[in-house]
Amino acid sequence: MNKQLIIIISIVALVGIGFFASQAGSENKATMQSNVPTNTPVTNEGSANETVTPDEGAKSFTLTEVSTHSKAEDCWMAIEGNVYDVTPYIQKQIHPGGAAILFGCGKDSTAIFNLRPKDNKPHSQNARNMLEKYFIGTLVQ
């Protein structure tokens, strides 16, 4: 009888731990998602070109404003109507294309992002997802 009770208690404990671990994972995911600004464009899986429009509360920048941030130590880019401050990414020196990222500083870099100059291929979905972290607003005319 004691062995059966120990087995039952062990099973209940494991199920409980699994439940709480899954809840913690859900909370962490929700927290991570809540840290992404609501005005961040979200790309739907399976369709790299379909994005959700940023909130009207997003800060707006002109291309003239973006052009004043054209150096490695202060680099903004406009890509597909959104503006990104990629300075922290450049400072990490982890861009797979090396210094090629600097060609987009202070510009509308949509064409460069969609067809990389070195191989005429678009950036990966992973690269698109990384952009969300650097979103600072939208581009206006």
N, C-alpha and C. Protein backbone atom coordinates (compact mmCIF):
# COMPACT_ATOMS: atom_id res chain seq x y z
N MET A 1 0.82 -1.19 0.00
CA MET A 1 0.00 0.00 0.00
C MET A 1 0.86 1.26 0.00
N ASN A 2 1.97 1.27 0.73
CA ASN A 2 2.85 2.42 0.78
C ASN A 2 3.49 2.70 -0.58
N LYS A 3 3.86 1.64 -1.32
CA LYS A 3 4.46 1.82 -2.63
C LYS A 3 3.47 2.49 -3.58
N GLN A 4 2.19 2.05 -3.53
CA GLN A 4 1.18 2.63 -4.40
C GLN A 4 0.96 4.11 -4.06
N LEU A 5 0.94 4.43 -2.78
CA LEU A 5 0.76 5.80 -2.35
C LEU A 5 1.93 6.67 -2.81
N ILE A 6 3.13 6.16 -2.71
CA ILE A 6 4.32 6.90 -3.15
C ILE A 6 4.27 7.12 -4.66
N ILE A 7 3.86 6.12 -5.41
CA ILE A 7 3.75 6.23 -6.87
C ILE A 7 2.71 7.28 -7.23
N ILE A 8 1.56 7.26 -6.57
CA ILE A 8 0.49 8.22 -6.84
C ILE A 8 0.95 9.63 -6.52
N ILE A 9 1.59 9.80 -5.37
CA ILE A 9 2.08 11.12 -4.99
C ILE A 9 3.13 11.61 -5.99
N SER A 10 4.00 10.71 -6.43
CA SER A 10 5.02 11.07 -7.41
C SER A 10 4.40 11.52 -8.72
N ILE A 11 3.39 10.79 -9.17
CA ILE A 11 2.72 11.14 -10.43
C ILE A 11 2.04 12.50 -10.30
N VAL A 12 1.33 12.71 -9.19
CA VAL A 12 0.65 13.99 -8.96
C VAL A 12 1.67 15.12 -8.92
N ALA A 13 2.80 14.90 -8.27
CA ALA A 13 3.85 15.92 -8.19
C ALA A 13 4.41 16.23 -9.57
N LEU A 14 4.68 15.22 -10.37
CA LEU A 14 5.22 15.44 -11.71
C LEU A 14 4.23 16.18 -12.59
N VAL A 15 2.96 15.81 -12.50
CA VAL A 15 1.94 16.50 -13.28
C VAL A 15 1.85 17.96 -12.83
N GLY A 16 1.88 18.18 -11.53
CA GLY A 16 1.83 19.54 -11.00
C GLY A 16 3.02 20.37 -11.45
N ILE A 17 4.21 19.79 -11.40
CA ILE A 17 5.41 20.50 -11.85
C ILE A 17 5.31 20.82 -13.33
N GLY A 18 4.83 19.85 -14.11
CA GLY A 18 4.65 20.08 -15.55
C GLY A 18 3.66 21.20 -15.82
N PHE A 19 2.57 21.23 -15.05
CA PHE A 19 1.55 22.26 -15.21
C PHE A 19 2.14 23.63 -14.90
N PHE A 20 2.81 23.74 -13.75
CA PHE A 20 3.36 25.03 -13.36
C PHE A 20 4.48 25.47 -14.31
N ALA A 21 5.25 24.54 -14.80
CA ALA A 21 6.31 24.89 -15.75
C ALA A 21 5.70 25.41 -17.05
N SER A 22 4.62 24.79 -17.50
CA SER A 22 3.99 25.26 -18.74
C SER A 22 3.35 26.62 -18.53
N GLN A 23 2.81 26.87 -17.33
CA GLN A 23 2.23 28.18 -17.03
C GLN A 23 3.32 29.24 -17.00
N ALA A 24 4.45 28.91 -16.40
CA ALA A 24 5.56 29.86 -16.34
C ALA A 24 6.05 30.17 -17.75
N GLY A 25 6.11 29.16 -18.60
CA GLY A 25 6.52 29.37 -19.99
C GLY A 25 5.54 30.27 -20.71
N SER A 26 4.25 30.09 -20.47
CA SER A 26 3.24 30.94 -21.09
C SER A 26 3.37 32.37 -20.60
N GLU A 27 3.61 32.53 -19.29
CA GLU A 27 3.76 33.88 -18.75
C GLU A 27 5.00 34.55 -19.32
N ASN A 28 6.10 33.80 -19.46
CA ASN A 28 7.31 34.38 -20.03
C ASN A 28 7.07 34.80 -21.48
N LYS A 29 6.36 33.96 -22.23
CA LYS A 29 6.06 34.29 -23.62
C LYS A 29 5.18 35.52 -23.67
N ALA A 30 4.15 35.58 -22.80
CA ALA A 30 3.27 36.74 -22.77
C ALA A 30 4.05 37.99 -22.38
N THR A 31 4.96 37.86 -21.42
CA THR A 31 5.77 39.00 -20.99
C THR A 31 6.67 39.46 -22.12
N MET A 32 7.29 38.51 -22.84
CA MET A 32 8.14 38.88 -23.95
C MET A 32 7.32 39.59 -25.02
N GLN A 33 6.11 39.08 -25.30
CA GLN A 33 5.28 39.71 -26.31
C GLN A 33 4.82 41.07 -25.86
N SER A 34 4.54 41.23 -24.55
CA SER A 34 4.09 42.53 -24.07
C SER A 34 5.21 43.55 -24.07
N ASN A 35 6.47 43.11 -24.11
CA ASN A 35 7.60 44.04 -24.17
C ASN A 35 7.82 44.56 -25.58
N VAL A 36 7.23 43.91 -26.58
CA VAL A 36 7.33 44.40 -27.94
C VAL A 36 6.30 45.50 -28.09
N PRO A 37 6.68 46.67 -28.54
CA PRO A 37 5.71 47.75 -28.67
C PRO A 37 4.55 47.33 -29.55
N THR A 38 3.35 47.78 -29.20
CA THR A 38 2.17 47.40 -29.97
C THR A 38 2.22 47.98 -31.37
N ASN A 39 3.07 48.95 -31.60
CA ASN A 39 3.18 49.52 -32.93
C ASN A 39 4.22 48.83 -33.79
N THR A 40 4.77 47.73 -33.30
CA THR A 40 5.75 46.97 -34.05
C THR A 40 5.05 46.16 -35.13
N PRO A 41 5.54 46.22 -36.37
CA PRO A 41 4.91 45.42 -37.40
C PRO A 41 5.13 43.95 -37.12
N VAL A 42 4.10 43.17 -37.30
CA VAL A 42 4.19 41.74 -37.04
C VAL A 42 4.00 41.01 -38.35
N THR A 43 4.98 40.22 -38.73
CA THR A 43 4.90 39.47 -39.96
C THR A 43 4.22 38.14 -39.69
N ASN A 44 3.21 37.83 -40.47
CA ASN A 44 2.51 36.56 -40.30
C ASN A 44 3.35 35.45 -40.88
N GLU A 45 3.40 34.33 -40.16
CA GLU A 45 4.19 33.20 -40.66
C GLU A 45 3.59 32.71 -41.97
N GLY A 46 4.46 32.33 -42.87
CA GLY A 46 4.01 31.78 -44.13
C GLY A 46 3.85 32.85 -45.20
N SER A 47 3.84 34.12 -44.82
CA SER A 47 3.70 35.18 -45.79
C SER A 47 4.61 36.34 -45.40
N ALA A 48 5.78 36.38 -45.97
CA ALA A 48 6.77 37.38 -45.58
C ALA A 48 6.33 38.79 -45.93
N ASN A 49 5.38 38.94 -46.86
CA ASN A 49 4.97 40.27 -47.29
C ASN A 49 3.74 40.79 -46.57
N GLU A 50 3.10 40.00 -45.75
CA GLU A 50 1.88 40.42 -45.09
C GLU A 50 2.20 40.91 -43.69
N THR A 51 1.95 42.20 -43.42
CA THR A 51 2.26 42.76 -42.12
C THR A 51 1.04 43.43 -41.53
N VAL A 52 1.03 43.54 -40.22
CA VAL A 52 0.00 44.25 -39.51
C VAL A 52 0.43 45.71 -39.44
N THR A 53 -0.47 46.63 -39.72
CA THR A 53 -0.15 48.04 -39.72
C THR A 53 0.14 48.54 -38.31
N PRO A 54 1.20 49.34 -38.13
CA PRO A 54 1.50 49.88 -36.81
C PRO A 54 0.37 50.76 -36.29
N ASP A 55 0.25 50.87 -34.97
CA ASP A 55 -0.75 51.73 -34.34
C ASP A 55 -0.56 53.17 -34.77
N GLU A 56 -1.62 53.94 -34.64
CA GLU A 56 -1.51 55.35 -34.97
C GLU A 56 -0.65 56.08 -33.95
N GLY A 57 -0.39 55.48 -32.78
CA GLY A 57 0.43 56.10 -31.76
C GLY A 57 1.92 56.02 -32.06
N ALA A 58 2.30 55.37 -33.15
CA ALA A 58 3.71 55.23 -33.50
C ALA A 58 4.28 56.60 -33.85
N LYS A 59 5.52 56.81 -33.48
CA LYS A 59 6.20 58.05 -33.80
C LYS A 59 6.47 58.07 -35.30
N SER A 60 6.37 59.23 -35.90
CA SER A 60 6.59 59.37 -37.34
C SER A 60 7.86 60.14 -37.63
N PHE A 61 8.56 59.72 -38.68
CA PHE A 61 9.81 60.36 -39.08
C PHE A 61 9.79 60.59 -40.59
N THR A 62 10.39 61.67 -41.01
CA THR A 62 10.57 61.92 -42.44
C THR A 62 11.89 61.30 -42.87
N LEU A 63 12.05 61.15 -44.17
CA LEU A 63 13.32 60.62 -44.68
C LEU A 63 14.46 61.61 -44.39
N THR A 64 14.14 62.89 -44.32
CA THR A 64 15.15 63.89 -43.97
C THR A 64 15.65 63.65 -42.55
N GLU A 65 14.73 63.34 -41.63
CA GLU A 65 15.14 63.03 -40.25
C GLU A 65 15.98 61.77 -40.20
N VAL A 66 15.55 60.75 -40.94
CA VAL A 66 16.30 59.49 -40.98
C VAL A 66 17.70 59.74 -41.52
N SER A 67 17.82 60.62 -42.51
CA SER A 67 19.13 60.86 -43.15
C SER A 67 20.15 61.49 -42.21
N THR A 68 19.70 62.07 -41.11
CA THR A 68 20.65 62.65 -40.15
C THR A 68 21.29 61.58 -39.25
N HIS A 69 20.87 60.34 -39.42
CA HIS A 69 21.40 59.22 -38.64
C HIS A 69 22.06 58.24 -39.61
N SER A 70 23.18 58.67 -40.18
CA SER A 70 23.78 57.92 -41.29
C SER A 70 25.18 57.39 -41.01
N LYS A 71 25.51 57.24 -39.74
CA LYS A 71 26.85 56.76 -39.38
C LYS A 71 26.73 55.47 -38.57
N ALA A 72 27.82 54.73 -38.51
CA ALA A 72 27.82 53.47 -37.76
C ALA A 72 27.47 53.69 -36.30
N GLU A 73 27.87 54.84 -35.75
CA GLU A 73 27.59 55.09 -34.33
C GLU A 73 26.21 55.70 -34.11
N ASP A 74 25.46 55.93 -35.18
CA ASP A 74 24.09 56.46 -35.11
C ASP A 74 23.41 56.12 -36.43
N CYS A 75 22.86 54.93 -36.51
CA CYS A 75 22.34 54.43 -37.78
C CYS A 75 20.85 54.10 -37.70
N TRP A 76 20.06 54.87 -38.45
CA TRP A 76 18.64 54.58 -38.62
C TRP A 76 18.43 54.15 -40.05
N MET A 77 17.44 53.28 -40.24
CA MET A 77 17.07 52.84 -41.58
C MET A 77 15.55 52.83 -41.70
N ALA A 78 15.10 53.17 -42.89
CA ALA A 78 13.68 53.01 -43.19
C ALA A 78 13.56 51.75 -44.05
N ILE A 79 12.70 50.85 -43.64
CA ILE A 79 12.48 49.62 -44.40
C ILE A 79 10.98 49.36 -44.44
N GLU A 80 10.45 49.31 -45.66
CA GLU A 80 9.04 49.03 -45.88
C GLU A 80 8.13 49.93 -45.05
N GLY A 81 8.48 51.22 -44.99
CA GLY A 81 7.63 52.20 -44.33
C GLY A 81 7.81 52.32 -42.83
N ASN A 82 8.71 51.55 -42.27
CA ASN A 82 9.00 51.62 -40.84
C ASN A 82 10.43 52.11 -40.64
N VAL A 83 10.68 52.73 -39.48
CA VAL A 83 12.01 53.26 -39.18
C VAL A 83 12.60 52.45 -38.03
N TYR A 84 13.87 52.10 -38.20
CA TYR A 84 14.57 51.27 -37.22
C TYR A 84 15.89 51.95 -36.84
N ASP A 85 16.20 51.95 -35.55
CA ASP A 85 17.50 52.40 -35.06
C ASP A 85 18.32 51.14 -34.84
N VAL A 86 19.18 50.83 -35.79
CA VAL A 86 19.97 49.59 -35.75
C VAL A 86 21.36 49.80 -35.16
N THR A 87 21.57 50.97 -34.56
CA THR A 87 22.88 51.28 -33.97
C THR A 87 23.36 50.19 -33.00
N PRO A 88 22.51 49.74 -32.06
CA PRO A 88 22.98 48.70 -31.13
C PRO A 88 23.40 47.40 -31.85
N TYR A 89 22.69 47.08 -32.92
CA TYR A 89 23.02 45.87 -33.69
C TYR A 89 24.38 46.03 -34.36
N ILE A 90 24.63 47.19 -34.92
CA ILE A 90 25.92 47.45 -35.57
C ILE A 90 27.05 47.38 -34.55
N GLN A 91 26.81 47.93 -33.37
CA GLN A 91 27.85 47.94 -32.34
C GLN A 91 28.22 46.53 -31.88
N LYS A 92 27.29 45.59 -31.99
CA LYS A 92 27.61 44.20 -31.62
C LYS A 92 28.51 43.53 -32.64
N GLN A 93 28.62 44.11 -33.84
CA GLN A 93 29.45 43.59 -34.93
C GLN A 93 29.15 42.12 -35.24
N ILE A 94 27.86 41.81 -35.35
CA ILE A 94 27.47 40.43 -35.64
C ILE A 94 26.72 40.29 -36.96
N HIS A 95 26.63 41.36 -37.73
CA HIS A 95 25.92 41.30 -39.00
C HIS A 95 26.65 40.33 -39.92
N PRO A 96 25.94 39.31 -40.42
CA PRO A 96 26.60 38.31 -41.27
C PRO A 96 27.25 38.92 -42.51
N GLY A 97 26.72 40.03 -42.98
CA GLY A 97 27.29 40.69 -44.15
C GLY A 97 28.34 41.72 -43.80
N GLY A 98 28.76 41.72 -42.53
CA GLY A 98 29.79 42.66 -42.10
C GLY A 98 29.37 44.11 -42.23
N ALA A 99 30.25 44.92 -42.78
CA ALA A 99 30.02 46.36 -42.90
C ALA A 99 28.97 46.71 -43.95
N ALA A 100 28.48 45.74 -44.70
CA ALA A 100 27.48 46.03 -45.73
C ALA A 100 26.24 46.71 -45.15
N ILE A 101 25.94 46.46 -43.90
CA ILE A 101 24.78 47.07 -43.26
C ILE A 101 24.91 48.60 -43.26
N LEU A 102 26.13 49.11 -43.26
CA LEU A 102 26.35 50.56 -43.21
C LEU A 102 25.86 51.27 -44.46
N PHE A 103 25.71 50.56 -45.58
CA PHE A 103 25.21 51.16 -46.80
C PHE A 103 23.76 51.61 -46.66
N GLY A 104 23.05 51.07 -45.67
CA GLY A 104 21.65 51.42 -45.48
C GLY A 104 21.42 52.53 -44.47
N CYS A 105 22.45 52.96 -43.76
CA CYS A 105 22.29 53.98 -42.72
C CYS A 105 21.81 55.30 -43.31
N GLY A 106 20.77 55.86 -42.69
CA GLY A 106 20.26 57.16 -43.09
C GLY A 106 19.46 57.16 -44.37
N LYS A 107 19.00 56.01 -44.80
CA LYS A 107 18.30 55.90 -46.10
C LYS A 107 17.04 55.06 -45.98
N ASP A 108 16.25 55.11 -47.05
CA ASP A 108 15.19 54.12 -47.21
C ASP A 108 15.91 52.90 -47.78
N SER A 109 16.07 51.90 -46.94
CA SER A 109 16.87 50.72 -47.28
C SER A 109 16.02 49.53 -47.71
N THR A 110 14.80 49.78 -48.08
CA THR A 110 13.89 48.69 -48.47
C THR A 110 14.49 47.84 -49.58
N ALA A 111 14.98 48.48 -50.63
CA ALA A 111 15.52 47.72 -51.77
C ALA A 111 16.73 46.89 -51.36
N ILE A 112 17.61 47.47 -50.55
CA ILE A 112 18.80 46.75 -50.09
C ILE A 112 18.40 45.57 -49.21
N PHE A 113 17.39 45.79 -48.35
CA PHE A 113 16.95 44.73 -47.45
C PHE A 113 16.27 43.60 -48.21
N ASN A 114 15.49 43.96 -49.22
CA ASN A 114 14.76 42.93 -49.97
C ASN A 114 15.62 42.21 -51.00
N LEU A 115 16.67 42.84 -51.48
CA LEU A 115 17.63 42.19 -52.40
C LEU A 115 19.03 42.63 -52.01
N ARG A 116 19.69 41.81 -51.22
CA ARG A 116 21.04 42.14 -50.77
C ARG A 116 21.97 42.33 -51.97
N PRO A 117 22.76 43.39 -51.97
CA PRO A 117 23.65 43.66 -53.11
C PRO A 117 24.64 42.55 -53.42
N LYS A 118 25.13 41.84 -52.39
CA LYS A 118 26.17 40.84 -52.65
C LYS A 118 25.65 39.59 -53.37
N ASP A 119 24.36 39.25 -53.19
CA ASP A 119 23.86 38.02 -53.82
C ASP A 119 22.45 38.13 -54.38
N ASN A 120 21.89 39.34 -54.36
CA ASN A 120 20.53 39.57 -54.88
C ASN A 120 19.47 38.64 -54.29
N LYS A 121 19.65 38.29 -53.03
CA LYS A 121 18.66 37.49 -52.31
C LYS A 121 18.09 38.33 -51.18
N PRO A 122 16.84 38.07 -50.83
CA PRO A 122 16.24 38.82 -49.71
C PRO A 122 16.81 38.36 -48.38
N HIS A 123 16.71 39.25 -47.38
CA HIS A 123 17.08 38.86 -46.03
C HIS A 123 16.12 37.77 -45.55
N SER A 124 16.56 36.97 -44.64
CA SER A 124 15.77 35.84 -44.11
C SER A 124 14.63 36.32 -43.22
N GLN A 125 13.73 35.41 -42.93
CA GLN A 125 12.65 35.72 -41.99
C GLN A 125 13.23 36.03 -40.61
N ASN A 126 14.32 35.39 -40.26
CA ASN A 126 14.98 35.67 -38.99
C ASN A 126 15.45 37.13 -38.94
N ALA A 127 16.01 37.61 -40.03
CA ALA A 127 16.44 39.01 -40.10
C ALA A 127 15.25 39.94 -39.96
N ARG A 128 14.14 39.60 -40.62
CA ARG A 128 12.92 40.41 -40.51
C ARG A 128 12.43 40.43 -39.06
N ASN A 129 12.47 39.30 -38.41
CA ASN A 129 12.02 39.23 -37.02
C ASN A 129 12.91 40.07 -36.11
N MET A 130 14.21 40.09 -36.39
CA MET A 130 15.14 40.88 -35.58
C MET A 130 14.86 42.36 -35.69
N LEU A 131 14.33 42.79 -36.82
CA LEU A 131 14.03 44.21 -37.00
C LEU A 131 13.08 44.73 -35.93
N GLU A 132 12.14 43.90 -35.52
CA GLU A 132 11.14 44.33 -34.54
C GLU A 132 11.77 44.95 -33.31
N LYS A 133 12.89 44.42 -32.90
CA LYS A 133 13.59 44.88 -31.72
C LYS A 133 14.07 46.32 -31.86
N TYR A 134 14.31 46.76 -33.09
CA TYR A 134 14.89 48.06 -33.36
C TYR A 134 13.88 49.09 -33.89
N PHE A 135 12.62 48.72 -33.95
CA PHE A 135 11.56 49.59 -34.45
C PHE A 135 11.44 50.84 -33.60
N ILE A 136 11.43 52.02 -34.23
CA ILE A 136 11.25 53.27 -33.47
C ILE A 136 10.09 54.10 -34.02
N GLY A 137 9.56 53.77 -35.17
CA GLY A 137 8.44 54.54 -35.72
C GLY A 137 8.16 54.24 -37.17
N THR A 138 7.37 55.11 -37.77
CA THR A 138 7.00 54.93 -39.18
C THR A 138 7.54 56.06 -40.03
N LEU A 139 7.69 55.79 -41.30
CA LEU A 139 8.18 56.76 -42.25
C LEU A 139 7.00 57.51 -42.85
N VAL A 140 7.09 58.84 -42.88
CA VAL A 140 6.05 59.66 -43.51
C VAL A 140 6.67 60.43 -44.66
N GLN A 141 5.84 60.85 -45.58
CA GLN A 141 6.32 61.58 -46.76
C GLN A 141 6.58 63.03 -46.48
